């Protein structure tokens, strides 16, 4: 199997939508670092059980209803 086979297979996968385009955005390093820190904080809180808090589902639903989540 050579290079031609690889590119032919790749072209077929693209044509049959097995490979999806991923939209890209630009952000500053400061914004990226902020999001990384927030993700780390939220991950630790979830690991500690905050997602079992009685008001957690209401708070998450409120966030989604307000359109604050992409």
PDB file of N, CA and C in Angstrom:
ATOM      1  N   UNK A   1       0.849  -1.179   0.000  1.00  0.00           N
ATOM      2  CA  UNK A   1       0.000   0.000   0.000  1.00  0.00           C
ATOM      3  C   UNK A   1       0.887   1.232   0.000  1.00  0.00           C
ATOM      4  N   UNK A   2       0.711   2.007  -1.020  1.00  0.00           N
ATOM      5  CA  UNK A   2       1.584   3.160  -1.170  1.00  0.00           C
ATOM      6  C   UNK A   2       0.877   4.469  -0.882  1.00  0.00           C
ATOM      7  N   UNK A   3       1.565   5.506  -1.272  1.00  0.00           N
ATOM      8  CA  UNK A   3       1.076   6.858  -1.054  1.00  0.00           C
ATOM      9  C   UNK A   3      -0.214   7.100  -1.826  1.00  0.00           C
ATOM     10  N   UNK A   4      -0.284   6.596  -3.047  1.00  0.00           N
ATOM     11  CA  UNK A   4      -1.482   6.777  -3.860  1.00  0.00           C
ATOM     12  C   UNK A   4      -2.700   6.163  -3.172  1.00  0.00           C
ATOM     13  N   UNK A   5      -2.549   4.971  -2.599  1.00  0.00           N
ATOM     14  CA  UNK A   5      -3.648   4.319  -1.880  1.00  0.00           C
ATOM     15  C   UNK A   5      -4.096   5.181  -0.703  1.00  0.00           C
ATOM     16  N   UNK A   6      -3.130   5.736   0.031  1.00  0.00           N
ATOM     17  CA  UNK A   6      -3.436   6.575   1.183  1.00  0.00           C
ATOM     18  C   UNK A   6      -4.287   7.767   0.769  1.00  0.00           C
ATOM     19  N   UNK A   7      -3.848   8.483  -0.271  1.00  0.00           N
ATOM     20  CA  UNK A   7      -4.577   9.670  -0.696  1.00  0.00           C
ATOM     21  C   UNK A   7      -5.926   9.329  -1.321  1.00  0.00           C
ATOM     22  N   UNK A   8      -6.008   8.215  -2.009  1.00  0.00           N
ATOM     23  CA  UNK A   8      -7.283   7.785  -2.575  1.00  0.00           C
ATOM     24  C   UNK A   8      -8.266   7.464  -1.458  1.00  0.00           C
ATOM     25  N   UNK A   9      -7.794   6.769  -0.446  1.00  0.00           N
ATOM     26  CA  UNK A   9      -8.639   6.433   0.707  1.00  0.00           C
ATOM     27  C   UNK A   9      -9.058   7.691   1.456  1.00  0.00           C
ATOM     28  N   UNK A  10      -8.118   8.606   1.645  1.00  0.00           N
ATOM     29  CA  UNK A  10      -8.418   9.862   2.331  1.00  0.00           C
ATOM     30  C   UNK A  10      -9.465  10.647   1.552  1.00  0.00           C
ATOM     31  N   UNK A  11      -9.303  10.728   0.241  1.00  0.00           N
ATOM     32  CA  UNK A  11     -10.267  11.445  -0.589  1.00  0.00           C
ATOM     33  C   UNK A  11     -11.650  10.806  -0.476  1.00  0.00           C
ATOM     34  N   UNK A  12     -11.701   9.488  -0.447  1.00  0.00           N
ATOM     35  CA  UNK A  12     -12.986   8.790  -0.313  1.00  0.00           C
ATOM     36  C   UNK A  12     -13.629   9.097   1.037  1.00  0.00           C
ATOM     37  N   UNK A  13     -12.837   9.098   2.094  1.00  0.00           N
ATOM     38  CA  UNK A  13     -13.387   9.397   3.420  1.00  0.00           C
ATOM     39  C   UNK A  13     -13.925  10.816   3.485  1.00  0.00           C
ATOM     40  N   UNK A  14     -13.238  11.745   2.853  1.00  0.00           N
ATOM     41  CA  UNK A  14     -13.714  13.126   2.840  1.00  0.00           C
ATOM     42  C   UNK A  14     -15.023  13.205   2.064  1.00  0.00           C
ATOM     43  N   UNK A  15     -15.092  12.550   0.929  1.00  0.00           N
ATOM     44  CA  UNK A  15     -16.307  12.559   0.108  1.00  0.00           C
ATOM     45  C   UNK A  15     -17.488  11.922   0.829  1.00  0.00           C
ATOM     46  N   UNK A  16     -17.243  10.909   1.619  1.00  0.00           N
ATOM     47  CA  UNK A  16     -18.334  10.215   2.311  1.00  0.00           C
ATOM     48  C   UNK A  16     -18.562  10.769   3.720  1.00  0.00           C
ATOM     49  N   UNK A  17     -17.964  11.898   4.010  1.00  0.00           N
ATOM     50  CA  UNK A  17     -18.154  12.618   5.267  1.00  0.00           C
ATOM     51  C   UNK A  17     -17.707  11.842   6.501  1.00  0.00           C
ATOM     52  N   UNK A  18     -16.767  10.939   6.355  1.00  0.00           N
ATOM     53  CA  UNK A  18     -16.220  10.270   7.532  1.00  0.00           C
ATOM     54  C   UNK A  18     -15.274  11.200   8.279  1.00  0.00           C
ATOM     55  N   UNK A  19     -14.798  12.211   7.604  1.00  0.00           N
ATOM     56  CA  UNK A  19     -13.938  13.208   8.231  1.00  0.00           C
ATOM     57  C   UNK A  19     -14.739  14.504   8.271  1.00  0.00           C
ATOM     58  N   UNK A  20     -14.936  15.042   9.448  1.00  0.00           N
ATOM     59  CA  UNK A  20     -15.727  16.257   9.624  1.00  0.00           C
ATOM     60  C   UNK A  20     -14.799  17.444   9.845  1.00  0.00           C
ATOM     61  N   UNK A  21     -15.163  18.576   9.284  1.00  0.00           N
ATOM     62  CA  UNK A  21     -14.409  19.806   9.511  1.00  0.00           C
ATOM     63  C   UNK A  21     -14.682  20.287  10.926  1.00  0.00           C
ATOM     64  N   UNK A  22     -13.664  20.768  11.581  1.00  0.00           N
ATOM     65  CA  UNK A  22     -13.792  21.284  12.934  1.00  0.00           C
ATOM     66  C   UNK A  22     -13.647  22.808  12.863  1.00  0.00           C
ATOM     67  N   UNK A  23     -14.694  23.536  13.270  1.00  0.00           N
ATOM     68  CA  UNK A  23     -14.582  24.998  13.233  1.00  0.00           C
ATOM     69  C   UNK A  23     -13.505  25.477  14.192  1.00  0.00           C
ATOM     70  N   UNK A  24     -12.799  26.491  13.781  1.00  0.00           N
ATOM     71  CA  UNK A  24     -11.714  27.034  14.591  1.00  0.00           C
ATOM     72  C   UNK A  24     -12.073  28.456  15.015  1.00  0.00           C
ATOM     73  N   UNK A  25     -11.573  28.848  16.176  1.00  0.00           N
ATOM     74  CA  UNK A  25     -11.739  30.216  16.652  1.00  0.00           C
ATOM     75  C   UNK A  25     -10.370  30.753  17.038  1.00  0.00           C
ATOM     76  N   UNK A  26     -10.296  32.047  17.200  1.00  0.00           N
ATOM     77  CA  UNK A  26      -9.069  32.655  17.700  1.00  0.00           C
ATOM     78  C   UNK A  26      -9.352  33.269  19.057  1.00  0.00           C
ATOM     79  N   UNK A  27      -8.382  33.155  19.952  1.00  0.00           N
ATOM     80  CA  UNK A  27      -8.492  33.796  21.254  1.00  0.00           C
ATOM     81  C   UNK A  27      -7.092  34.141  21.721  1.00  0.00           C
ATOM     82  N   UNK A  28      -7.043  35.035  22.665  1.00  0.00           N
ATOM     83  CA  UNK A  28      -5.744  35.424  23.204  1.00  0.00           C
ATOM     84  C   UNK A  28      -5.247  34.346  24.167  1.00  0.00           C
ATOM     85  N   UNK A  29      -3.970  34.385  24.449  1.00  0.00           N
ATOM     86  CA  UNK A  29      -3.402  33.444  25.423  1.00  0.00           C
ATOM     87  C   UNK A  29      -4.045  33.662  26.796  1.00  0.00           C
ATOM     88  N   UNK A  30      -4.351  34.918  27.120  1.00  0.00           N
ATOM     89  CA  UNK A  30      -4.992  35.228  28.402  1.00  0.00           C
ATOM     90  C   UNK A  30      -6.365  34.565  28.493  1.00  0.00           C
ATOM     91  N   UNK A  31      -7.145  34.641  27.406  1.00  0.00           N
ATOM     92  CA  UNK A  31      -8.462  34.004  27.390  1.00  0.00           C
ATOM     93  C   UNK A  31      -8.343  32.490  27.495  1.00  0.00           C
ATOM     94  N   UNK A  32      -7.387  31.915  26.777  1.00  0.00           N
ATOM     95  CA  UNK A  32      -7.192  30.461  26.814  1.00  0.00           C
ATOM     96  C   UNK A  32      -6.796  30.012  28.217  1.00  0.00           C
ATOM     97  N   UNK A  33      -5.900  30.753  28.856  1.00  0.00           N
ATOM     98  CA  UNK A  33      -5.482  30.403  30.218  1.00  0.00           C
ATOM     99  C   UNK A  33      -6.637  30.514  31.201  1.00  0.00           C
ATOM    100  N   UNK A  34      -7.481  31.535  31.038  1.00  0.00           N
ATOM    101  CA  UNK A  34      -8.655  31.693  31.891  1.00  0.00           C
ATOM    102  C   UNK A  34      -9.572  30.474  31.761  1.00  0.00           C
ATOM    103  N   UNK A  35      -9.831  30.054  30.522  1.00  0.00           N
ATOM    104  CA  UNK A  35     -10.704  28.903  30.304  1.00  0.00           C
ATOM    105  C   UNK A  35     -10.100  27.619  30.860  1.00  0.00           C
ATOM    106  N   UNK A  36      -8.789  27.459  30.736  1.00  0.00           N
ATOM    107  CA  UNK A  36      -8.122  26.270  31.308  1.00  0.00           C
ATOM    108  C   UNK A  36      -8.269  26.236  32.824  1.00  0.00           C
ATOM    109  N   UNK A  37      -8.088  27.403  33.463  1.00  0.00           N
ATOM    110  CA  UNK A  37      -8.225  27.474  34.926  1.00  0.00           C
ATOM    111  C   UNK A  37      -9.657  27.184  35.357  1.00  0.00           C
ATOM    112  N   UNK A  38     -10.643  27.742  34.652  1.00  0.00           N
ATOM    113  CA  UNK A  38     -12.043  27.501  34.981  1.00  0.00           C
ATOM    114  C   UNK A  38     -12.379  26.023  34.815  1.00  0.00           C
ATOM    115  N   UNK A  39     -11.872  25.424  33.745  1.00  0.00           N
ATOM    116  CA  UNK A  39     -12.116  24.000  33.516  1.00  0.00           C
ATOM    117  C   UNK A  39     -11.514  23.172  34.642  1.00  0.00           C
ATOM    118  N   UNK A  40     -10.304  23.532  35.076  1.00  0.00           N
ATOM    119  CA  UNK A  40      -9.662  22.793  36.164  1.00  0.00           C
ATOM    120  C   UNK A  40     -10.468  22.919  37.453  1.00  0.00           C
ATOM    121  N   UNK A  41     -10.955  24.128  37.737  1.00  0.00           N
ATOM    122  CA  UNK A  41     -11.753  24.350  38.946  1.00  0.00           C
ATOM    123  C   UNK A  41     -13.041  23.541  38.888  1.00  0.00           C
ATOM    124  N   UNK A  42     -13.748  23.605  37.763  1.00  0.00           N
ATOM    125  CA  UNK A  42     -15.006  22.879  37.636  1.00  0.00           C
ATOM    126  C   UNK A  42     -14.803  21.373  37.688  1.00  0.00           C
ATOM    127  N   UNK A  43     -13.725  20.903  37.117  1.00  0.00           N
ATOM    128  CA  UNK A  43     -13.427  19.467  37.153  1.00  0.00           C
ATOM    129  C   UNK A  43     -13.223  18.999  38.579  1.00  0.00           C
ATOM    130  N   UNK A  44     -12.461  19.758  39.352  1.00  0.00           N
ATOM    131  CA  UNK A  44     -12.204  19.395  40.750  1.00  0.00           C
ATOM    132  C   UNK A  44     -13.500  19.437  41.556  1.00  0.00           C
ATOM    133  N   UNK A  45     -14.329  20.454  41.325  1.00  0.00           N
ATOM    134  CA  UNK A  45     -15.605  20.540  42.041  1.00  0.00           C
ATOM    135  C   UNK A  45     -16.498  19.349  41.718  1.00  0.00           C
ATOM    136  N   UNK A  46     -16.557  18.964  40.438  1.00  0.00           N
ATOM    137  CA  UNK A  46     -17.374  17.802  40.066  1.00  0.00           C
ATOM    138  C   UNK A  46     -16.818  16.519  40.671  1.00  0.00           C
ATOM    139  N   UNK A  47     -15.496  16.400  40.696  1.00  0.00           N
ATOM    140  CA  UNK A  47     -14.880  15.220  41.305  1.00  0.00           C
ATOM    141  C   UNK A  47     -15.157  15.165  42.801  1.00  0.00           C
ATOM    142  N   UNK A  48     -15.340  16.335  43.421  1.00  0.00           N
ATOM    143  CA  UNK A  48     -15.621  16.397  44.853  1.00  0.00           C
ATOM    144  C   UNK A  48     -17.098  16.181  45.160  1.00  0.00           C
ATOM    145  N   UNK A  49     -17.919  16.093  44.110  1.00  0.00           N
ATOM    146  CA  UNK A  49     -19.324  15.781  44.323  1.00  0.00           C
ATOM    147  C   UNK A  49     -20.277  16.951  44.219  1.00  0.00           C
ATOM    148  N   UNK A  50     -19.825  18.103  43.762  1.00  0.00           N
ATOM    149  CA  UNK A  50     -20.735  19.247  43.668  1.00  0.00           C
ATOM    150  C   UNK A  50     -21.891  18.952  42.723  1.00  0.00           C
ATOM    151  N   UNK A  51     -21.692  18.049  41.771  1.00  0.00           N
ATOM    152  CA  UNK A  51     -22.772  17.712  40.851  1.00  0.00           C
ATOM    153  C   UNK A  51     -23.855  16.869  41.528  1.00  0.00           C
ATOM    154  N   UNK A  52     -23.635  16.487  42.772  1.00  0.00           N
ATOM    155  CA  UNK A  52     -24.661  15.786  43.551  1.00  0.00           C
ATOM    156  C   UNK A  52     -25.425  16.738  44.464  1.00  0.00           C
ATOM    157  N   UNK A  53     -25.064  18.005  44.453  1.00  0.00           N
ATOM    158  CA  UNK A  53     -25.737  19.035  45.228  1.00  0.00           C
ATOM    159  C   UNK A  53     -27.184  19.140  44.752  1.00  0.00           C
ATOM    160  N   UNK A  54     -28.121  19.338  45.655  1.00  0.00           N
ATOM    161  CA  UNK A  54     -29.546  19.311  45.298  1.00  0.00           C
ATOM    162  C   UNK A  54     -29.927  20.402  44.296  1.00  0.00           C
ATOM    163  N   UNK A  55     -29.238  21.521  44.283  1.00  0.00           N
ATOM    164  CA  UNK A  55     -29.578  22.601  43.355  1.00  0.00           C
ATOM    165  C   UNK A  55     -28.774  22.589  42.070  1.00  0.00           C
ATOM    166  N   UNK A  56     -27.890  21.609  41.925  1.00  0.00           N
ATOM    167  CA  UNK A  56     -26.989  21.577  40.758  1.00  0.00           C
ATOM    168  C   UNK A  56     -27.754  21.517  39.446  1.00  0.00           C
ATOM    169  N   UNK A  57     -28.716  20.615  39.329  1.00  0.00           N
ATOM    170  CA  UNK A  57     -29.440  20.470  38.064  1.00  0.00           C
ATOM    171  C   UNK A  57     -30.237  21.733  37.741  1.00  0.00           C
ATOM    172  N   UNK A  58     -30.782  22.399  38.746  1.00  0.00           N
ATOM    173  CA  UNK A  58     -31.505  23.656  38.513  1.00  0.00           C
ATOM    174  C   UNK A  58     -30.550  24.743  38.013  1.00  0.00           C
ATOM    175  N   UNK A  59     -29.379  24.818  38.610  1.00  0.00           N
ATOM    176  CA  UNK A  59     -28.404  25.826  38.192  1.00  0.00           C
ATOM    177  C   UNK A  59     -27.940  25.572  36.757  1.00  0.00           C
ATOM    178  N   UNK A  60     -27.675  24.325  36.414  1.00  0.00           N
ATOM    179  CA  UNK A  60     -27.243  23.986  35.055  1.00  0.00           C
ATOM    180  C   UNK A  60     -28.371  24.276  34.063  1.00  0.00           C
ATOM    181  N   UNK A  61     -29.593  23.932  34.403  1.00  0.00           N
ATOM    182  CA  UNK A  61     -30.732  24.204  33.528  1.00  0.00           C
ATOM    183  C   UNK A  61     -30.891  25.708  33.291  1.00  0.00           C
ATOM    184  N   UNK A  62     -30.687  26.495  34.335  1.00  0.00           N
ATOM    185  CA  UNK A  62     -30.787  27.947  34.211  1.00  0.00           C
ATOM    186  C   UNK A  62     -29.733  28.489  33.247  1.00  0.00           C
ATOM    187  N   UNK A  63     -28.531  27.957  33.338  1.00  0.00           N
ATOM    188  CA  UNK A  63     -27.471  28.391  32.431  1.00  0.00           C
ATOM    189  C   UNK A  63     -27.841  28.088  30.990  1.00  0.00           C
ATOM    190  N   UNK A  64     -28.324  26.876  30.733  1.00  0.00           N
ATOM    191  CA  UNK A  64     -28.711  26.494  29.380  1.00  0.00           C
ATOM    192  C   UNK A  64     -29.907  27.300  28.890  1.00  0.00           C
ATOM    193  N   UNK A  65     -30.882  27.572  29.762  1.00  0.00           N
ATOM    194  CA  UNK A  65     -32.068  28.338  29.369  1.00  0.00           C
ATOM    195  C   UNK A  65     -31.726  29.788  29.031  1.00  0.00           C
ATOM    196  N   UNK A  66     -30.729  30.340  29.674  1.00  0.00           N
ATOM    197  CA  UNK A  66     -30.324  31.717  29.407  1.00  0.00           C
ATOM    198  C   UNK A  66     -29.461  31.830  28.154  1.00  0.00           C
ATOM    199  N   UNK A  67     -29.101  30.686  27.568  1.00  0.00           N
ATOM    200  CA  UNK A  67     -28.301  30.705  26.352  1.00  0.00           C
ATOM    201  C   UNK A  67     -26.836  31.013  26.586  1.00  0.00           C
ATOM    202  N   UNK A  68     -26.351  30.753  27.794  1.00  0.00           N
ATOM    203  CA  UNK A  68     -24.951  31.019  28.117  1.00  0.00           C
ATOM    204  C   UNK A  68     -24.014  29.898  27.730  1.00  0.00           C
ATOM    205  N   UNK A  69     -24.559  28.827  27.184  1.00  0.00           N
ATOM    206  CA  UNK A  69     -23.734  27.671  26.812  1.00  0.00           C
ATOM    207  C   UNK A  69     -23.860  27.469  25.319  1.00  0.00           C
ATOM    208  N   UNK A  70     -22.709  27.288  24.678  1.00  0.00           N
ATOM    209  CA  UNK A  70     -22.719  27.101  23.217  1.00  0.00           C
ATOM    210  C   UNK A  70     -23.275  25.751  22.851  1.00  0.00           C
TER     211      UNK A  70
END
